[in-house]
């Protein structure tokens, strides 16, 4: 998102994302007007630490099961984001 806003020339942007990400996009692009519709910060995002991430990747104690229908839709969304750059 940051890269997209940096590389485009529109004077104004509507950010519909998690609050902290909206803050990051706005901070990286101070000369561009941002309308952010964030009302509530995600409490779970603020709990994630690098240590917890390393622990999760090292020990794989948690199992997350996602229905195939949702996995396929999510994969398409990620593929589109990667294609945009």
PDB file of N, CA and C in Angstrom:
ATOM      1  N   UNK A   1       0.822  -1.183   0.000  1.00  0.00           N
ATOM      2  CA  UNK A   1       0.000   0.000   0.000  1.00  0.00           C
ATOM      3  C   UNK A   1       0.870   1.252   0.000  1.00  0.00           C
ATOM      4  N   UNK A   2       1.909   1.221   0.825  1.00  0.00           N
ATOM      5  CA  UNK A   2       2.791   2.385   0.898  1.00  0.00           C
ATOM      6  C   UNK A   2       3.416   2.645  -0.467  1.00  0.00           C
ATOM      7  N   UNK A   3       3.922   1.589  -1.072  1.00  0.00           N
ATOM      8  CA  UNK A   3       4.581   1.717  -2.369  1.00  0.00           C
ATOM      9  C   UNK A   3       3.608   2.234  -3.431  1.00  0.00           C
ATOM     10  N   UNK A   4       2.384   1.733  -3.407  1.00  0.00           N
ATOM     11  CA  UNK A   4       1.394   2.166  -4.389  1.00  0.00           C
ATOM     12  C   UNK A   4       1.129   3.668  -4.264  1.00  0.00           C
ATOM     13  N   UNK A   5       0.905   4.135  -3.045  1.00  0.00           N
ATOM     14  CA  UNK A   5       0.623   5.556  -2.833  1.00  0.00           C
ATOM     15  C   UNK A   5       1.845   6.396  -3.203  1.00  0.00           C
ATOM     16  N   UNK A   6       3.034   5.919  -2.886  1.00  0.00           N
ATOM     17  CA  UNK A   6       4.258   6.650  -3.242  1.00  0.00           C
ATOM     18  C   UNK A   6       4.399   6.814  -4.750  1.00  0.00           C
ATOM     19  N   UNK A   7       4.013   5.787  -5.502  1.00  0.00           N
ATOM     20  CA  UNK A   7       4.256   5.776  -6.942  1.00  0.00           C
ATOM     21  C   UNK A   7       3.131   6.402  -7.769  1.00  0.00           C
ATOM     22  N   UNK A   8       1.998   6.708  -7.156  1.00  0.00           N
ATOM     23  CA  UNK A   8       0.901   7.302  -7.912  1.00  0.00           C
ATOM     24  C   UNK A   8       0.858   8.800  -7.666  1.00  0.00           C
ATOM     25  N   UNK A   9       0.121   9.507  -8.518  1.00  0.00           N
ATOM     26  CA  UNK A   9       0.110  10.961  -8.443  1.00  0.00           C
ATOM     27  C   UNK A   9      -1.217  11.549  -7.984  1.00  0.00           C
ATOM     28  N   UNK A  10      -2.135  10.711  -7.562  1.00  0.00           N
ATOM     29  CA  UNK A  10      -3.417  11.235  -7.090  1.00  0.00           C
ATOM     30  C   UNK A  10      -3.176  12.115  -5.865  1.00  0.00           C
ATOM     31  N   UNK A  11      -3.928  13.215  -5.740  1.00  0.00           N
ATOM     32  CA  UNK A  11      -3.711  14.102  -4.597  1.00  0.00           C
ATOM     33  C   UNK A  11      -4.365  13.606  -3.306  1.00  0.00           C
ATOM     34  N   UNK A  12      -5.394  12.749  -3.428  1.00  0.00           N
ATOM     35  CA  UNK A  12      -6.138  12.281  -2.253  1.00  0.00           C
ATOM     36  C   UNK A  12      -6.343  10.769  -2.329  1.00  0.00           C
ATOM     37  N   UNK A  13      -6.406  10.153  -1.122  1.00  0.00           N
ATOM     38  CA  UNK A  13      -6.567   8.704  -1.031  1.00  0.00           C
ATOM     39  C   UNK A  13      -7.550   8.358   0.071  1.00  0.00           C
ATOM     40  N   UNK A  14      -8.315   7.302  -0.154  1.00  0.00           N
ATOM     41  CA  UNK A  14      -9.214   6.747   0.858  1.00  0.00           C
ATOM     42  C   UNK A  14      -8.568   5.450   1.328  1.00  0.00           C
ATOM     43  N   UNK A  15      -8.200   5.392   2.607  1.00  0.00           N
ATOM     44  CA  UNK A  15      -7.551   4.202   3.150  1.00  0.00           C
ATOM     45  C   UNK A  15      -8.564   3.388   3.938  1.00  0.00           C
ATOM     46  N   UNK A  16      -8.777   2.179   3.501  1.00  0.00           N
ATOM     47  CA  UNK A  16      -9.676   1.253   4.197  1.00  0.00           C
ATOM     48  C   UNK A  16      -8.847   0.051   4.625  1.00  0.00           C
ATOM     49  N   UNK A  17      -8.173   0.204   5.750  1.00  0.00           N
ATOM     50  CA  UNK A  17      -7.280  -0.839   6.241  1.00  0.00           C
ATOM     51  C   UNK A  17      -7.196  -0.746   7.759  1.00  0.00           C
ATOM     52  N   UNK A  18      -6.477  -1.642   8.347  1.00  0.00           N
ATOM     53  CA  UNK A  18      -6.258  -1.629   9.791  1.00  0.00           C
ATOM     54  C   UNK A  18      -5.606  -0.296  10.165  1.00  0.00           C
ATOM     55  N   UNK A  19      -5.950   0.234  11.305  1.00  0.00           N
ATOM     56  CA  UNK A  19      -5.528   1.589  11.715  1.00  0.00           C
ATOM     57  C   UNK A  19      -4.021   1.810  11.638  1.00  0.00           C
ATOM     58  N   UNK A  20      -3.237   0.899  12.169  1.00  0.00           N
ATOM     59  CA  UNK A  20      -1.788   1.085  12.182  1.00  0.00           C
ATOM     60  C   UNK A  20      -1.231   1.129  10.766  1.00  0.00           C
ATOM     61  N   UNK A  21      -1.772   0.314   9.867  1.00  0.00           N
ATOM     62  CA  UNK A  21      -1.312   0.344   8.480  1.00  0.00           C
ATOM     63  C   UNK A  21      -1.649   1.684   7.852  1.00  0.00           C
ATOM     64  N   UNK A  22      -2.839   2.206   8.136  1.00  0.00           N
ATOM     65  CA  UNK A  22      -3.210   3.526   7.637  1.00  0.00           C
ATOM     66  C   UNK A  22      -2.265   4.596   8.145  1.00  0.00           C
ATOM     67  N   UNK A  23      -1.856   4.496   9.403  1.00  0.00           N
ATOM     68  CA  UNK A  23      -0.886   5.430   9.973  1.00  0.00           C
ATOM     69  C   UNK A  23       0.443   5.346   9.228  1.00  0.00           C
ATOM     70  N   UNK A  24       0.871   4.127   8.911  1.00  0.00           N
ATOM     71  CA  UNK A  24       2.137   3.929   8.201  1.00  0.00           C
ATOM     72  C   UNK A  24       2.089   4.518   6.796  1.00  0.00           C
ATOM     73  N   UNK A  25       0.987   4.295   6.085  1.00  0.00           N
ATOM     74  CA  UNK A  25       0.843   4.835   4.728  1.00  0.00           C
ATOM     75  C   UNK A  25       0.871   6.359   4.774  1.00  0.00           C
ATOM     76  N   UNK A  26       0.123   6.944   5.691  1.00  0.00           N
ATOM     77  CA  UNK A  26       0.072   8.402   5.812  1.00  0.00           C
ATOM     78  C   UNK A  26       1.438   8.974   6.197  1.00  0.00           C
ATOM     79  N   UNK A  27       2.138   8.333   7.117  1.00  0.00           N
ATOM     80  CA  UNK A  27       3.444   8.825   7.555  1.00  0.00           C
ATOM     81  C   UNK A  27       4.477   8.774   6.430  1.00  0.00           C
ATOM     82  N   UNK A  28       4.378   7.768   5.580  1.00  0.00           N
ATOM     83  CA  UNK A  28       5.323   7.620   4.473  1.00  0.00           C
ATOM     84  C   UNK A  28       5.009   8.570   3.324  1.00  0.00           C
ATOM     85  N   UNK A  29       3.825   9.178   3.346  1.00  0.00           N
ATOM     86  CA  UNK A  29       3.398  10.059   2.260  1.00  0.00           C
ATOM     87  C   UNK A  29       2.820  11.352   2.814  1.00  0.00           C
ATOM     88  N   UNK A  30       3.630  12.158   3.496  1.00  0.00           N
ATOM     89  CA  UNK A  30       3.104  13.345   4.162  1.00  0.00           C
ATOM     90  C   UNK A  30       2.525  14.398   3.229  1.00  0.00           C
ATOM     91  N   UNK A  31       2.897  14.387   1.967  1.00  0.00           N
ATOM     92  CA  UNK A  31       2.393  15.391   1.028  1.00  0.00           C
ATOM     93  C   UNK A  31       1.077  15.026   0.375  1.00  0.00           C
ATOM     94  N   UNK A  32       0.515  13.880   0.742  1.00  0.00           N
ATOM     95  CA  UNK A  32      -0.731  13.431   0.117  1.00  0.00           C
ATOM     96  C   UNK A  32      -1.846  13.389   1.151  1.00  0.00           C
ATOM     97  N   UNK A  33      -3.019  13.786   0.733  1.00  0.00           N
ATOM     98  CA  UNK A  33      -4.171  13.840   1.637  1.00  0.00           C
ATOM     99  C   UNK A  33      -4.778  12.448   1.797  1.00  0.00           C
ATOM    100  N   UNK A  34      -4.957  12.019   3.042  1.00  0.00           N
ATOM    101  CA  UNK A  34      -5.500  10.692   3.334  1.00  0.00           C
ATOM    102  C   UNK A  34      -6.792  10.821   4.127  1.00  0.00           C
ATOM    103  N   UNK A  35      -7.816  10.133   3.665  1.00  0.00           N
ATOM    104  CA  UNK A  35      -9.040   9.988   4.448  1.00  0.00           C
ATOM    105  C   UNK A  35      -9.016   8.584   4.997  1.00  0.00           C
ATOM    106  N   UNK A  36      -8.936   8.477   6.333  1.00  0.00           N
ATOM    107  CA  UNK A  36      -8.875   7.160   6.970  1.00  0.00           C
ATOM    108  C   UNK A  36     -10.140   6.956   7.777  1.00  0.00           C
ATOM    109  N   UNK A  37     -10.785   5.824   7.567  1.00  0.00           N
ATOM    110  CA  UNK A  37     -12.046   5.536   8.236  1.00  0.00           C
ATOM    111  C   UNK A  37     -11.860   4.591   9.407  1.00  0.00           C
ATOM    112  N   UNK A  38     -10.746   4.710  10.069  1.00  0.00           N
ATOM    113  CA  UNK A  38     -10.448   3.832  11.196  1.00  0.00           C
ATOM    114  C   UNK A  38     -11.067   4.402  12.464  1.00  0.00           C
ATOM    115  N   UNK A  39     -11.833   3.601  13.134  1.00  0.00           N
ATOM    116  CA  UNK A  39     -12.457   4.029  14.390  1.00  0.00           C
ATOM    117  C   UNK A  39     -11.891   3.250  15.588  1.00  0.00           C
ATOM    118  N   UNK A  40     -11.557   2.002  15.376  1.00  0.00           N
ATOM    119  CA  UNK A  40     -11.104   1.149  16.476  1.00  0.00           C
ATOM    120  C   UNK A  40      -9.837   0.416  16.046  1.00  0.00           C
ATOM    121  N   UNK A  41      -8.831   0.526  16.873  1.00  0.00           N
ATOM    122  CA  UNK A  41      -7.602  -0.224  16.589  1.00  0.00           C
ATOM    123  C   UNK A  41      -7.816  -1.691  16.946  1.00  0.00           C
ATOM    124  N   UNK A  42      -7.243  -2.567  16.150  1.00  0.00           N
ATOM    125  CA  UNK A  42      -7.348  -4.002  16.392  1.00  0.00           C
ATOM    126  C   UNK A  42      -6.523  -4.351  17.632  1.00  0.00           C
ATOM    127  N   UNK A  43      -7.159  -4.805  18.705  1.00  0.00           N
ATOM    128  CA  UNK A  43      -6.404  -5.106  19.930  1.00  0.00           C
ATOM    129  C   UNK A  43      -5.451  -6.284  19.745  1.00  0.00           C
ATOM    130  N   UNK A  44      -5.767  -7.168  18.828  1.00  0.00           N
ATOM    131  CA  UNK A  44      -4.920  -8.339  18.615  1.00  0.00           C
ATOM    132  C   UNK A  44      -3.616  -7.974  17.907  1.00  0.00           C
ATOM    133  N   UNK A  45      -3.673  -7.003  16.984  1.00  0.00           N
ATOM    134  CA  UNK A  45      -2.468  -6.586  16.277  1.00  0.00           C
ATOM    135  C   UNK A  45      -1.441  -6.020  17.253  1.00  0.00           C
ATOM    136  N   UNK A  46      -1.896  -5.342  18.287  1.00  0.00           N
ATOM    137  CA  UNK A  46      -0.978  -4.739  19.250  1.00  0.00           C
ATOM    138  C   UNK A  46      -0.344  -5.761  20.184  1.00  0.00           C
ATOM    139  N   UNK A  47      -0.837  -6.981  20.189  1.00  0.00           N
ATOM    140  CA  UNK A  47      -0.294  -8.024  21.063  1.00  0.00           C
ATOM    141  C   UNK A  47       0.800  -8.845  20.387  1.00  0.00           C
ATOM    142  N   UNK A  48       0.949  -8.727  19.091  1.00  0.00           N
ATOM    143  CA  UNK A  48       1.917  -9.539  18.357  1.00  0.00           C
ATOM    144  C   UNK A  48       3.313  -8.962  18.548  1.00  0.00           C
ATOM    145  N   UNK A  49       4.235  -9.819  18.971  1.00  0.00           N
ATOM    146  CA  UNK A  49       5.629  -9.403  19.141  1.00  0.00           C
ATOM    147  C   UNK A  49       6.518 -10.261  18.246  1.00  0.00           C
ATOM    148  N   UNK A  50       7.727  -9.800  18.008  1.00  0.00           N
ATOM    149  CA  UNK A  50       8.676 -10.592  17.221  1.00  0.00           C
ATOM    150  C   UNK A  50       9.006 -11.898  17.940  1.00  0.00           C
ATOM    151  N   UNK A  51       9.081 -11.845  19.270  1.00  0.00           N
ATOM    152  CA  UNK A  51       9.388 -13.048  20.041  1.00  0.00           C
ATOM    153  C   UNK A  51       8.272 -14.087  19.889  1.00  0.00           C
ATOM    154  N   UNK A  52       7.016 -13.625  19.956  1.00  0.00           N
ATOM    155  CA  UNK A  52       5.888 -14.542  19.784  1.00  0.00           C
ATOM    156  C   UNK A  52       5.865 -15.125  18.374  1.00  0.00           C
ATOM    157  N   UNK A  53       6.198 -14.314  17.390  1.00  0.00           N
ATOM    158  CA  UNK A  53       6.227 -14.787  16.002  1.00  0.00           C
ATOM    159  C   UNK A  53       7.306 -15.847  15.837  1.00  0.00           C
ATOM    160  N   UNK A  54       8.489 -15.585  16.379  1.00  0.00           N
ATOM    161  CA  UNK A  54       9.573 -16.570  16.307  1.00  0.00           C
ATOM    162  C   UNK A  54       9.172 -17.855  17.007  1.00  0.00           C
ATOM    163  N   UNK A  55       8.568 -17.747  18.188  1.00  0.00           N
ATOM    164  CA  UNK A  55       8.118 -18.918  18.935  1.00  0.00           C
ATOM    165  C   UNK A  55       7.101 -19.728  18.125  1.00  0.00           C
ATOM    166  N   UNK A  56       6.153 -19.047  17.501  1.00  0.00           N
ATOM    167  CA  UNK A  56       5.128 -19.736  16.712  1.00  0.00           C
ATOM    168  C   UNK A  56       5.741 -20.465  15.522  1.00  0.00           C
ATOM    169  N   UNK A  57       6.718 -19.836  14.871  1.00  0.00           N
ATOM    170  CA  UNK A  57       7.364 -20.466  13.714  1.00  0.00           C
ATOM    171  C   UNK A  57       8.297 -21.595  14.123  1.00  0.00           C
ATOM    172  N   UNK A  58       8.902 -21.481  15.294  1.00  0.00           N
ATOM    173  CA  UNK A  58       9.845 -22.500  15.759  1.00  0.00           C
ATOM    174  C   UNK A  58       9.144 -23.751  16.265  1.00  0.00           C
ATOM    175  N   UNK A  59       8.087 -23.564  17.046  1.00  0.00           N
ATOM    176  CA  UNK A  59       7.476 -24.704  17.726  1.00  0.00           C
ATOM    177  C   UNK A  59       6.156 -25.169  17.126  1.00  0.00           C
ATOM    178  N   UNK A  60       5.554 -24.411  16.270  1.00  0.00           N
ATOM    179  CA  UNK A  60       4.283 -24.756  15.612  1.00  0.00           C
ATOM    180  C   UNK A  60       3.321 -25.499  16.545  1.00  0.00           C
ATOM    181  N   UNK A  61       3.045 -24.912  17.695  1.00  0.00           N
ATOM    182  CA  UNK A  61       2.130 -25.516  18.661  1.00  0.00           C
ATOM    183  C   UNK A  61       0.666 -25.241  18.330  1.00  0.00           C
ATOM    184  N   UNK A  62       0.423 -24.130  17.677  1.00  0.00           N
ATOM    185  CA  UNK A  62      -0.959 -23.774  17.358  1.00  0.00           C
ATOM    186  C   UNK A  62      -1.331 -24.335  15.992  1.00  0.00           C
ATOM    187  N   UNK A  63      -2.541 -24.846  15.916  1.00  0.00           N
ATOM    188  CA  UNK A  63      -3.066 -25.354  14.654  1.00  0.00           C
ATOM    189  C   UNK A  63      -4.234 -24.457  14.266  1.00  0.00           C
ATOM    190  N   UNK A  64      -4.163 -23.923  13.074  1.00  0.00           N
ATOM    191  CA  UNK A  64      -5.237 -23.070  12.576  1.00  0.00           C
ATOM    192  C   UNK A  64      -5.872 -23.786  11.397  1.00  0.00           C
ATOM    193  N   UNK A  65      -7.143 -24.042  11.528  1.00  0.00           N
ATOM    194  CA  UNK A  65      -7.862 -24.729  10.458  1.00  0.00           C
ATOM    195  C   UNK A  65      -8.761 -23.726   9.749  1.00  0.00           C
ATOM    196  N   UNK A  66      -8.593 -23.645   8.436  1.00  0.00           N
ATOM    197  CA  UNK A  66      -9.372 -22.723   7.617  1.00  0.00           C
ATOM    198  C   UNK A  66     -10.139 -23.546   6.598  1.00  0.00           C
ATOM    199  N   UNK A  67     -11.450 -23.351   6.510  1.00  0.00           N
ATOM    200  CA  UNK A  67     -12.215 -24.077   5.502  1.00  0.00           C
ATOM    201  C   UNK A  67     -11.655 -23.812   4.106  1.00  0.00           C
ATOM    202  N   UNK A  68     -11.643 -24.819   3.259  1.00  0.00           N
ATOM    203  CA  UNK A  68     -11.055 -24.723   1.923  1.00  0.00           C
ATOM    204  C   UNK A  68     -11.641 -23.558   1.123  1.00  0.00           C
ATOM    205  N   UNK A  69     -12.928 -23.342   1.219  1.00  0.00           N
ATOM    206  CA  UNK A  69     -13.576 -22.250   0.481  1.00  0.00           C
ATOM    207  C   UNK A  69     -12.976 -20.891   0.869  1.00  0.00           C
ATOM    208  N   UNK A  70     -12.727 -20.686   2.138  1.00  0.00           N
ATOM    209  CA  UNK A  70     -12.140 -19.428   2.612  1.00  0.00           C
ATOM    210  C   UNK A  70     -10.669 -19.354   2.218  1.00  0.00           C
ATOM    211  N   UNK A  71      -9.948 -20.473   2.320  1.00  0.00           N
ATOM    212  CA  UNK A  71      -8.534 -20.495   1.936  1.00  0.00           C
ATOM    213  C   UNK A  71      -8.363 -20.092   0.485  1.00  0.00           C
ATOM    214  N   UNK A  72      -9.207 -20.622  -0.392  1.00  0.00           N
ATOM    215  CA  UNK A  72      -9.111 -20.315  -1.820  1.00  0.00           C
ATOM    216  C   UNK A  72      -9.380 -18.831  -2.071  1.00  0.00           C
ATOM    217  N   UNK A  73     -10.411 -18.288  -1.431  1.00  0.00           N
ATOM    218  CA  UNK A  73     -10.720 -16.857  -1.607  1.00  0.00           C
ATOM    219  C   UNK A  73      -9.588 -15.984  -1.080  1.00  0.00           C
ATOM    220  N   UNK A  74      -9.033 -16.348   0.067  1.00  0.00           N
ATOM    221  CA  UNK A  74      -7.929 -15.579   0.648  1.00  0.00           C
ATOM    222  C   UNK A  74      -6.690 -15.659  -0.245  1.00  0.00           C
ATOM    223  N   UNK A  75      -6.424 -16.828  -0.795  1.00  0.00           N
ATOM    224  CA  UNK A  75      -5.266 -16.996  -1.683  1.00  0.00           C
ATOM    225  C   UNK A  75      -5.402 -16.098  -2.907  1.00  0.00           C
ATOM    226  N   UNK A  76      -6.600 -16.001  -3.456  1.00  0.00           N
ATOM    227  CA  UNK A  76      -6.819 -15.118  -4.614  1.00  0.00           C
ATOM    228  C   UNK A  76      -6.552 -13.666  -4.237  1.00  0.00           C
ATOM    229  N   UNK A  77      -7.001 -13.252  -3.062  1.00  0.00           N
ATOM    230  CA  UNK A  77      -6.780 -11.868  -2.612  1.00  0.00           C
ATOM    231  C   UNK A  77      -5.283 -11.589  -2.467  1.00  0.00           C
ATOM    232  N   UNK A  78      -4.549 -12.526  -1.873  1.00  0.00           N
ATOM    233  CA  UNK A  78      -3.105 -12.348  -1.704  1.00  0.00           C
ATOM    234  C   UNK A  78      -2.417 -12.307  -3.062  1.00  0.00           C
ATOM    235  N   UNK A  79      -2.813 -13.160  -3.962  1.00  0.00           N
ATOM    236  CA  UNK A  79      -2.221 -13.180  -5.308  1.00  0.00           C
ATOM    237  C   UNK A  79      -2.446 -11.846  -6.022  1.00  0.00           C
ATOM    238  N   UNK A  80      -3.632 -11.266  -5.867  1.00  0.00           N
ATOM    239  CA  UNK A  80      -3.912  -9.956  -6.491  1.00  0.00           C
ATOM    240  C   UNK A  80      -3.030  -8.869  -5.868  1.00  0.00           C
ATOM    241  N   UNK A  81      -2.859  -8.902  -4.529  1.00  0.00           N
ATOM    242  CA  UNK A  81      -2.001  -7.906  -3.883  1.00  0.00           C
ATOM    243  C   UNK A  81      -0.565  -8.016  -4.366  1.00  0.00           C
ATOM    244  N   UNK A  82      -0.076  -9.253  -4.518  1.00  0.00           N
ATOM    245  CA  UNK A  82       1.293  -9.466  -4.987  1.00  0.00           C
ATOM    246  C   UNK A  82       1.436  -8.983  -6.426  1.00  0.00           C
ATOM    247  N   UNK A  83       0.421  -9.234  -7.238  1.00  0.00           N
ATOM    248  CA  UNK A  83       0.462  -8.806  -8.645  1.00  0.00           C
ATOM    249  C   UNK A  83       0.512  -7.288  -8.754  1.00  0.00           C
ATOM    250  N   UNK A  84      -0.180  -6.583  -7.876  1.00  0.00           N
ATOM    251  CA  UNK A  84      -0.169  -5.122  -7.885  1.00  0.00           C
ATOM    252  C   UNK A  84       1.217  -4.607  -7.518  1.00  0.00           C
ATOM    253  N   UNK A  85       1.864  -5.327  -6.616  1.00  0.00           N
ATOM    254  CA  UNK A  85       3.224  -4.938  -6.219  1.00  0.00           C
ATOM    255  C   UNK A  85       3.227  -4.339  -4.894  1.00  0.00           C
TER     256      UNK A  85
END
